[in-house]
PDB file of N, CA and C in Angstrom:
ATOM      1  N   MET A   1     140.519-109.161-113.228  1.00  0.00           N
ATOM      2  CA  MET A   1     141.398-110.561-113.284  1.00  0.00           C
ATOM      3  C   MET A   1     140.864-111.773-113.246  1.00  0.00           C
ATOM      4  N   GLY A   2     140.272-111.686-111.717  1.00  0.00           N
ATOM      5  CA  GLY A   2     138.929-113.318-111.670  1.00  0.00           C
ATOM      6  C   GLY A   2     137.608-112.748-111.683  1.00  0.00           C
ATOM      7  N   GLY A   3     137.344-111.968-112.241  1.00  0.00           N
ATOM      8  CA  GLY A   3     135.866-111.456-112.214  1.00  0.00           C
ATOM      9  C   GLY A   3     135.074-112.224-111.760  1.00  0.00           C
ATOM     10  N   LYS A   4     134.623-113.513-112.213  1.00  0.00           N
ATOM     11  CA  LYS A   4     133.800-114.366-111.719  1.00  0.00           C
ATOM     12  C   LYS A   4     133.875-114.733-110.221  1.00  0.00           C
ATOM     13  N   LYS A   5     135.059-115.023-109.948  1.00  0.00           N
ATOM     14  CA  LYS A   5     135.504-115.372-108.383  1.00  0.00           C
ATOM     15  C   LYS A   5     135.335-114.159-107.878  1.00  0.00           C
ATOM     16  N   ASP A   6     135.928-113.084-108.102  1.00  0.00           N
ATOM     17  CA  ASP A   6     135.520-111.875-107.271  1.00  0.00           C
ATOM     18  C   ASP A   6     134.223-111.762-106.663  1.00  0.00           C
ATOM     19  N   GLU A   7     133.019-112.154-107.384  1.00  0.00           N
ATOM     20  CA  GLU A   7     131.872-111.676-107.606  1.00  0.00           C
ATOM     21  C   GLU A   7     131.160-113.103-106.866  1.00  0.00           C
ATOM     22  N   GLU A   8     131.904-114.013-106.842  1.00  0.00           N
ATOM     23  CA  GLU A   8     131.211-115.299-105.792  1.00  0.00           C
ATOM     24  C   GLU A   8     131.461-114.627-104.592  1.00  0.00           C
ATOM     25  N   GLU A   9     132.853-114.366-104.156  1.00  0.00           N
ATOM     26  CA  GLU A   9     133.229-113.978-102.899  1.00  0.00           C
ATOM     27  C   GLU A   9     132.449-112.971-102.358  1.00  0.00           C
ATOM     28  N   GLU A  10     132.131-112.100-103.121  1.00  0.00           N
ATOM     29  CA  GLU A  10     131.229-110.526-102.484  1.00  0.00           C
ATOM     30  C   GLU A  10     129.623-111.597-102.491  1.00  0.00           C
ATOM     31  N   GLU A  11     129.499-112.561-103.288  1.00  0.00           N
ATOM     32  CA  GLU A  11     127.738-113.108-102.989  1.00  0.00           C
ATOM     33  C   GLU A  11     128.160-113.699-101.617  1.00  0.00           C
ATOM     34  N   GLU A  12     129.190-114.558-101.534  1.00  0.00           N
ATOM     35  CA  GLU A  12     129.041-115.137-100.038  1.00  0.00           C
ATOM     36  C   GLU A  12     129.226-114.560 -98.944  1.00  0.00           C
ATOM     37  N   GLN A  13     130.282-113.280 -99.048  1.00  0.00           N
ATOM     38  CA  GLN A  13     129.778-112.289 -97.852  1.00  0.00           C
ATOM     39  C   GLN A  13     128.782-112.026 -97.639  1.00  0.00           C
ATOM     40  N   LEU A  14     127.573-111.461 -98.865  1.00  0.00           N
ATOM     41  CA  LEU A  14     126.568-110.961 -98.579  1.00  0.00           C
ATOM     42  C   LEU A  14     125.637-111.807 -97.879  1.00  0.00           C
ATOM     43  N   GLU A  15     125.906-113.215 -98.277  1.00  0.00           N
ATOM     44  CA  GLU A  15     125.242-114.181 -97.542  1.00  0.00           C
ATOM     45  C   GLU A  15     125.207-114.152 -96.054  1.00  0.00           C
ATOM     46  N   LEU A  16     126.430-114.288 -95.364  1.00  0.00           N
ATOM     47  CA  LEU A  16     126.710-114.332 -94.382  1.00  0.00           C
ATOM     48  C   LEU A  16     126.555-113.075 -93.341  1.00  0.00           C
ATOM     49  N   TRP A  17     126.361-111.851 -93.960  1.00  0.00           N
ATOM     50  CA  TRP A  17     126.611-110.602 -93.336  1.00  0.00           C
ATOM     51  C   TRP A  17     125.062-109.304 -93.964  1.00  0.00           C
ATOM     52  N   SER A  18     124.138-109.893 -94.226  1.00  0.00           N
ATOM     53  CA  SER A  18     123.267-109.519 -94.952  1.00  0.00           C
ATOM     54  C   SER A  18     122.126-108.636 -93.807  1.00  0.00           C
ATOM     55  N   ALA A  19     122.151-107.182 -93.728  1.00  0.00           N
ATOM     56  CA  ALA A  19     121.157-106.763 -92.661  1.00  0.00           C
ATOM     57  C   ALA A  19     119.852-106.859 -93.777  1.00  0.00           C
ATOM     58  N   GLU A  20     119.751-107.276 -94.538  1.00  0.00           N
ATOM     59  CA  GLU A  20     118.494-107.416 -95.768  1.00  0.00           C
ATOM     60  C   GLU A  20     118.042-108.713 -96.178  1.00  0.00           C
ATOM     61  N   ALA A  21     118.771-109.593 -95.548  1.00  0.00           N
ATOM     62  CA  ALA A  21     118.659-111.146 -95.618  1.00  0.00           C
ATOM     63  C   ALA A  21     117.088-111.663 -95.282  1.00  0.00           C
ATOM     64  N   ASN A  22     116.578-112.965 -95.844  1.00  0.00           N
ATOM     65  CA  ASN A  22     115.647-113.342 -94.999  1.00  0.00           C
ATOM     66  C   ASN A  22     115.758-114.131 -94.017  1.00  0.00           C
ATOM     67  N   ASP A  23     116.949-114.991 -93.771  1.00  0.00           N
ATOM     68  CA  ASP A  23     117.487-115.606 -93.051  1.00  0.00           C
ATOM     69  C   ASP A  23     117.855-114.915 -91.689  1.00  0.00           C
ATOM     70  N   GLN A  24     117.099-115.019 -90.658  1.00  0.00           N
ATOM     71  CA  GLN A  24     116.997-114.140 -89.076  1.00  0.00           C
ATOM     72  C   GLN A  24     118.605-113.918 -88.643  1.00  0.00           C
ATOM     73  N   LEU A  25     119.245-115.283 -88.713  1.00  0.00           N
ATOM     74  CA  LEU A  25     120.884-114.797 -88.025  1.00  0.00           C
ATOM     75  C   LEU A  25     121.550-114.153 -88.877  1.00  0.00           C
ATOM     76  N   VAL A  26     121.534-114.185 -90.174  1.00  0.00           N
ATOM     77  CA  VAL A  26     122.360-113.635 -91.398  1.00  0.00           C
ATOM     78  C   VAL A  26     121.921-112.045 -90.938  1.00  0.00           C
ATOM     79  N   ARG A  27     120.609-112.001 -91.100  1.00  0.00           N
ATOM     80  CA  ARG A  27     120.007-110.271 -91.373  1.00  0.00           C
ATOM     81  C   ARG A  27     120.832-110.013 -89.476  1.00  0.00           C
ATOM     82  N   GLU A  28     120.675-110.307 -88.575  1.00  0.00           N
ATOM     83  CA  GLU A  28     121.317-110.139 -87.399  1.00  0.00           C
ATOM     84  C   GLU A  28     122.638-109.633 -87.294  1.00  0.00           C
ATOM     85  N   ARG A  29     123.252-110.580 -88.178  1.00  0.00           N
ATOM     86  CA  ARG A  29     124.728-110.184 -88.277  1.00  0.00           C
ATOM     87  C   ARG A  29     125.098-109.209 -89.041  1.00  0.00           C
ATOM     88  N   GLY A  30     124.360-109.051 -90.037  1.00  0.00           N
ATOM     89  CA  GLY A  30     124.293-108.011 -90.763  1.00  0.00           C
ATOM     90  C   GLY A  30     123.869-106.322 -90.143  1.00  0.00           C
ATOM     91  N   LYS A  31     123.297-106.664 -89.340  1.00  0.00           N
ATOM     92  CA  LYS A  31     123.013-105.334 -88.660  1.00  0.00           C
ATOM     93  C   LYS A  31     124.275-105.341 -87.433  1.00  0.00           C
ATOM     94  N   CYS A  32     125.003-106.202 -87.250  1.00  0.00           N
ATOM     95  CA  CYS A  32     125.745-105.832 -86.478  1.00  0.00           C
ATOM     96  C   CYS A  32     126.782-105.351 -87.021  1.00  0.00           C
ATOM     97  N   LEU A  33     127.348-105.338 -88.140  1.00  0.00           N
ATOM     98  CA  LEU A  33     128.103-105.372 -88.886  1.00  0.00           C
ATOM     99  C   LEU A  33     127.805-103.598 -89.262  1.00  0.00           C
ATOM    100  N   THR A  34     126.594-103.403 -89.286  1.00  0.00           N
ATOM    101  CA  THR A  34     126.293-101.950 -90.056  1.00  0.00           C
ATOM    102  C   THR A  34     126.147-100.899 -88.373  1.00  0.00           C
ATOM    103  N   GLN A  35     125.893-101.509 -87.393  1.00  0.00           N
ATOM    104  CA  GLN A  35     125.429-101.088 -86.052  1.00  0.00           C
ATOM    105  C   GLN A  35     126.177-101.122 -85.028  1.00  0.00           C
ATOM    106  N   ASN A  36     126.980-101.969 -84.776  1.00  0.00           N
ATOM    107  CA  ASN A  36     128.224-102.041 -83.649  1.00  0.00           C
ATOM    108  C   ASN A  36     129.477-101.371 -84.139  1.00  0.00           C
ATOM    109  N   HIS A  37     129.785-100.647 -83.210  1.00  0.00           N
ATOM    110  CA  HIS A  37     131.082 -99.842 -83.405  1.00  0.00           C
ATOM    111  C   HIS A  37     131.933-101.081 -83.011  1.00  0.00           C
ATOM    112  N   HIS A  38     132.362-101.989 -82.017  1.00  0.00           N
ATOM    113  CA  HIS A  38     133.389-102.541 -81.973  1.00  0.00           C
ATOM    114  C   HIS A  38     133.193-103.647 -82.874  1.00  0.00           C
ATOM    115  N   VAL A  39     132.038-104.123 -83.514  1.00  0.00           N
ATOM    116  CA  VAL A  39     132.295-104.781 -85.119  1.00  0.00           C
ATOM    117  C   VAL A  39     132.912-104.285 -85.737  1.00  0.00           C
ATOM    118  N   GLN A  40     132.615-102.992 -86.376  1.00  0.00           N
ATOM    119  CA  GLN A  40     132.722-102.194 -87.144  1.00  0.00           C
ATOM    120  C   GLN A  40     134.278-102.269 -87.439  1.00  0.00           C
ATOM    121  N   VAL A  41     135.250-101.862 -85.731  1.00  0.00           N
ATOM    122  CA  VAL A  41     136.237-101.361 -85.669  1.00  0.00           C
ATOM    123  C   VAL A  41     137.000-102.805 -86.288  1.00  0.00           C
ATOM    124  N   ILE A  42     136.767-104.226 -85.874  1.00  0.00           N
ATOM    125  CA  ILE A  42     137.556-105.243 -86.362  1.00  0.00           C
ATOM    126  C   ILE A  42     137.023-105.753 -87.641  1.00  0.00           C
ATOM    127  N   PHE A  43     136.345-105.401 -88.547  1.00  0.00           N
ATOM    128  CA  PHE A  43     135.843-105.779 -89.515  1.00  0.00           C
ATOM    129  C   PHE A  43     136.761-104.593 -90.722  1.00  0.00           C
ATOM    130  N   LYS A  44     136.964-103.562 -89.937  1.00  0.00           N
ATOM    131  CA  LYS A  44     138.011-102.487 -90.779  1.00  0.00           C
ATOM    132  C   LYS A  44     139.478-103.016 -90.722  1.00  0.00           C
ATOM    133  N   GLU A  45     139.897-103.539 -89.166  1.00  0.00           N
ATOM    134  CA  GLU A  45     141.268-104.258 -89.431  1.00  0.00           C
ATOM    135  C   GLU A  45     141.572-105.580 -90.317  1.00  0.00           C
ATOM    136  N   LEU A  46     140.320-106.042 -90.448  1.00  0.00           N
ATOM    137  CA  LEU A  46     140.228-107.277 -91.624  1.00  0.00           C
ATOM    138  C   LEU A  46     140.142-106.856 -92.948  1.00  0.00           C
ATOM    139  N   GLU A  47     139.912-105.890 -93.155  1.00  0.00           N
ATOM    140  CA  GLU A  47     139.862-105.271 -94.346  1.00  0.00           C
ATOM    141  C   GLU A  47     140.900-104.899 -94.729  1.00  0.00           C
ATOM    142  N   GLU A  48     141.928-104.164 -93.976  1.00  0.00           N
ATOM    143  CA  GLU A  48     143.088-103.515 -94.458  1.00  0.00           C
ATOM    144  C   GLU A  48     144.036-104.678 -93.997  1.00  0.00           C
ATOM    145  N   CYS A  49     143.900-105.777 -93.400  1.00  0.00           N
ATOM    146  CA  CYS A  49     144.627-106.871 -93.499  1.00  0.00           C
ATOM    147  C   CYS A  49     144.695-107.407 -94.687  1.00  0.00           C
ATOM    148  N   GLN A  50     143.409-107.717 -95.383  1.00  0.00           N
ATOM    149  CA  GLN A  50     143.548-108.007 -96.677  1.00  0.00           C
ATOM    150  C   GLN A  50     144.108-107.122 -97.715  1.00  0.00           C
ATOM    151  N   LYS A  51     144.139-106.042 -97.510  1.00  0.00           N
ATOM    152  CA  LYS A  51     144.478-105.206 -98.566  1.00  0.00           C
ATOM    153  C   LYS A  51     146.117-104.888 -98.462  1.00  0.00           C
ATOM    154  N   ARG A  52     146.916-105.772 -97.139  1.00  0.00           N
ATOM    155  CA  ARG A  52     148.044-105.602 -97.165  1.00  0.00           C
ATOM    156  C   ARG A  52     148.560-107.204 -97.767  1.00  0.00           C
ATOM    157  N   VAL A  53     148.307-107.970 -97.933  1.00  0.00           N
ATOM    158  CA  VAL A  53     148.040-109.436 -98.071  1.00  0.00           C
ATOM    159  C   VAL A  53     148.134-109.340 -99.768  1.00  0.00           C
ATOM    160  N   LYS A  54     146.908-108.666 -99.859  1.00  0.00           N
ATOM    161  CA  LYS A  54     146.608-108.714-102.011  1.00  0.00           C
ATOM    162  C   LYS A  54     147.754-107.694-102.294  1.00  0.00           C
ATOM    163  N   GLY A  55     148.299-106.772-101.605  1.00  0.00           N
ATOM    164  CA  GLY A  55     149.386-105.894-102.166  1.00  0.00           C
ATOM    165  C   GLY A  55     150.496-106.483-102.150  1.00  0.00           C
ATOM    166  N   LYS A  56     150.855-107.895-101.579  1.00  0.00           N
ATOM    167  CA  LYS A  56     152.036-108.278-101.742  1.00  0.00           C
ATOM    168  C   LYS A  56     152.089-109.395-102.785  1.00  0.00           C
ATOM    169  N   ASP A  57     153.165-109.576-103.517  1.00  0.00           N
ATOM    170  CA  ASP A  57     153.426-110.922-104.049  1.00  0.00           C
ATOM    171  C   ASP A  57     153.779-112.362-102.899  1.00  0.00           C
ATOM    172  N   TYR A  58     154.343-112.108-102.055  1.00  0.00           N
ATOM    173  CA  TYR A  58     154.435-113.229-101.128  1.00  0.00           C
ATOM    174  C   TYR A  58     154.807-112.378 -99.716  1.00  0.00           C
ATOM    175  N   THR A  59     153.776-113.079 -98.955  1.00  0.00           N
ATOM    176  CA  THR A  59     153.667-112.971 -97.614  1.00  0.00           C
ATOM    177  C   THR A  59     152.860-114.019 -96.685  1.00  0.00           C
ATOM    178  N   ALA A  60     153.689-114.101 -95.721  1.00  0.00           N
ATOM    179  CA  ALA A  60     153.037-115.506 -94.474  1.00  0.00           C
ATOM    180  C   ALA A  60     151.834-114.751 -93.972  1.00  0.00           C
ATOM    181  N   GLU A  61     151.434-114.003 -93.899  1.00  0.00           N
ATOM    182  CA  GLU A  61     150.417-113.176 -93.266  1.00  0.00           C
ATOM    183  C   GLU A  61     149.112-113.702 -94.068  1.00  0.00           C
ATOM    184  N   THR A  62     148.221-114.202 -93.272  1.00  0.00           N
ATOM    185  CA  THR A  62     146.700-114.829 -93.909  1.00  0.00           C
ATOM    186  C   THR A  62     145.552-114.152 -93.177  1.00  0.00           C
ATOM    187  N   CYS A  63     145.337-113.435 -92.433  1.00  0.00           N
ATOM    188  CA  CYS A  63     144.367-112.678 -91.816  1.00  0.00           C
ATOM    189  C   CYS A  63     143.758-113.608 -91.086  1.00  0.00           C
ATOM    190  N   HIS A  64     144.286-114.805 -90.648  1.00  0.00           N
ATOM    191  CA  HIS A  64     143.343-115.528 -89.829  1.00  0.00           C
ATOM    192  C   HIS A  64     142.979-115.166 -88.750  1.00  0.00           C
ATOM    193  N   GLN A  65     143.872-114.657 -87.694  1.00  0.00           N
ATOM    194  CA  GLN A  65     143.428-113.889 -86.521  1.00  0.00           C
ATOM    195  C   GLN A  65     142.515-112.686 -86.760  1.00  0.00           C
ATOM    196  N   GLU A  66     142.396-112.015 -87.983  1.00  0.00           N
ATOM    197  CA  GLU A  66     141.336-110.979 -87.977  1.00  0.00           C
ATOM    198  C   GLU A  66     140.353-111.529 -88.012  1.00  0.00           C
ATOM    199  N   MET A  67     140.005-112.828 -89.031  1.00  0.00           N
ATOM    200  CA  MET A  67     138.695-113.314 -89.024  1.00  0.00           C
ATOM    201  C   MET A  67     138.013-113.775 -88.466  1.00  0.00           C
ATOM    202  N   LYS A  68     139.217-114.766 -87.204  1.00  0.00           N
ATOM    203  CA  LYS A  68     138.900-115.244 -85.884  1.00  0.00           C
ATOM    204  C   LYS A  68     138.467-114.301 -85.445  1.00  0.00           C
ATOM    205  N   ASP A  69     138.971-113.008 -84.946  1.00  0.00           N
ATOM    206  CA  ASP A  69     138.210-111.738 -84.179  1.00  0.00           C
ATOM    207  C   ASP A  69     136.999-111.281 -84.450  1.00  0.00           C
ATOM    208  N   LEU A  70     136.848-111.321 -86.017  1.00  0.00           N
ATOM    209  CA  LEU A  70     135.312-110.707 -86.318  1.00  0.00           C
ATOM    210  C   LEU A  70     134.481-112.100 -86.345  1.00  0.00           C
ATOM    211  N   MET A  71     134.661-112.986 -86.344  1.00  0.00           N
ATOM    212  CA  MET A  71     133.714-113.783 -86.057  1.00  0.00           C
ATOM    213  C   MET A  71     133.307-113.941 -84.463  1.00  0.00           C
ATOM    214  N   GLU A  72     134.366-113.901 -84.017  1.00  0.00           N
ATOM    215  CA  GLU A  72     133.903-113.996 -82.197  1.00  0.00           C
ATOM    216  C   GLU A  72     133.277-112.548 -81.838  1.00  0.00           C
ATOM    217  N   ALA A  73     133.591-111.500 -82.581  1.00  0.00           N
ATOM    218  CA  ALA A  73     132.766-110.027 -82.305  1.00  0.00           C
ATOM    219  C   ALA A  73     131.168-110.274 -82.398  1.00  0.00           C
ATOM    220  N   VAL A  74     131.053-110.921 -83.810  1.00  0.00           N
ATOM    221  CA  VAL A  74     129.427-111.081 -84.457  1.00  0.00           C
ATOM    222  C   VAL A  74     128.896-112.098 -83.757  1.00  0.00           C
ATOM    223  N   ASP A  75     129.401-113.073 -83.151  1.00  0.00           N
ATOM    224  CA  ASP A  75     128.889-114.047 -82.496  1.00  0.00           C
ATOM    225  C   ASP A  75     128.642-113.283 -81.002  1.00  0.00           C
ATOM    226  N   HIS A  76     128.952-113.006 -80.382  1.00  0.00           N
ATOM    227  CA  HIS A  76     129.072-112.114 -79.249  1.00  0.00           C
ATOM    228  C   HIS A  76     127.857-111.306 -79.320  1.00  0.00           C
ATOM    229  N   CYS A  77     128.054-110.533 -80.393  1.00  0.00           N
ATOM    230  CA  CYS A  77     126.807-109.086 -80.712  1.00  0.00           C
ATOM    231  C   CYS A  77     125.104-110.149 -80.712  1.00  0.00           C
ATOM    232  N   VAL A  78     125.504-110.852 -81.815  1.00  0.00           N
ATOM    233  CA  VAL A  78     124.202-111.513 -81.900  1.00  0.00           C
ATOM    234  C   VAL A  78     123.810-112.838 -81.057  1.00  0.00           C
ATOM    235  N   GLY A  79     124.509-113.288 -79.888  1.00  0.00           N
ATOM    236  CA  GLY A  79     124.286-114.381 -79.045  1.00  0.00           C
ATOM    237  C   GLY A  79     123.085-113.970 -78.502  1.00  0.00           C
ATOM    238  N   ASP A  80     122.505-113.027 -77.821  1.00  0.00           N
ATOM    239  CA  ASP A  80     121.817-113.181 -77.359  1.00  0.00           C
ATOM    240  C   ASP A  80     120.061-113.104 -78.218  1.00  0.00           C
ATOM    241  N   LYS A  81     120.427-112.576 -79.588  1.00  0.00           N
ATOM    242  CA  LYS A  81     119.474-112.764 -80.511  1.00  0.00           C
ATOM    243  C   LYS A  81     118.931-113.867 -81.037  1.00  0.00           C
ATOM    244  N   ALA A  82     120.168-114.623 -81.341  1.00  0.00           N
ATOM    245  CA  ALA A  82     120.217-115.801 -82.352  1.00  0.00           C
ATOM    246  C   ALA A  82     119.222-116.696 -81.713  1.00  0.00           C
ATOM    247  N   PHE A  83     118.784-117.189 -80.938  1.00  0.00           N
ATOM    248  CA  PHE A  83     118.048-118.174 -80.565  1.00  0.00           C
ATOM    249  C   PHE A  83     116.732-118.121 -80.112  1.00  0.00           C
ATOM    250  N   LEU A  84     116.267-116.614 -79.821  1.00  0.00           N
ATOM    251  CA  LEU A  84     114.825-115.836 -79.279  1.00  0.00           C
ATOM    252  C   LEU A  84     114.520-115.657 -81.106  1.00  0.00           C
ATOM    253  N   LEU A  85     115.177-115.743 -81.906  1.00  0.00           N
ATOM    254  CA  LEU A  85     114.588-115.265 -83.430  1.00  0.00           C
ATOM    255  C   LEU A  85     114.038-116.265 -84.309  1.00  0.00           C
ATOM    256  N   LEU A  86     114.784-117.601 -83.907  1.00  0.00           N
ATOM    257  CA  LEU A  86     114.288-118.858 -84.371  1.00  0.00           C
ATOM    258  C   LEU A  86     112.764-119.580 -84.182  1.00  0.00           C
ATOM    259  N   LYS A  87     112.030-119.581 -85.442  1.00  0.00           N
ATOM    260  CA  LYS A  87     110.881-120.342 -85.001  1.00  0.00           C
ATOM    261  C   LYS A  87     110.116-121.578 -84.765  1.00  0.00           C
TER     262      LYS A  87
END
């Protein structure tokens, strides 16, 4: 359906959360997503919300709170490391 747009969104997500990234902060975020149980639980909640929203023709649900919760959890996870890794 949205082919190219879906690919761009996937690439954008990888740029924010890749444990393989060159950018140290992006890499640490990726590590949090793959290694931190609390972050994984919140990420799963976001995925479930997105499935609900996409599965409806109309809904007022936006998944904004789930995304906010995920960003806060990731920030907390990398907070101690984020500035130590800067060169």
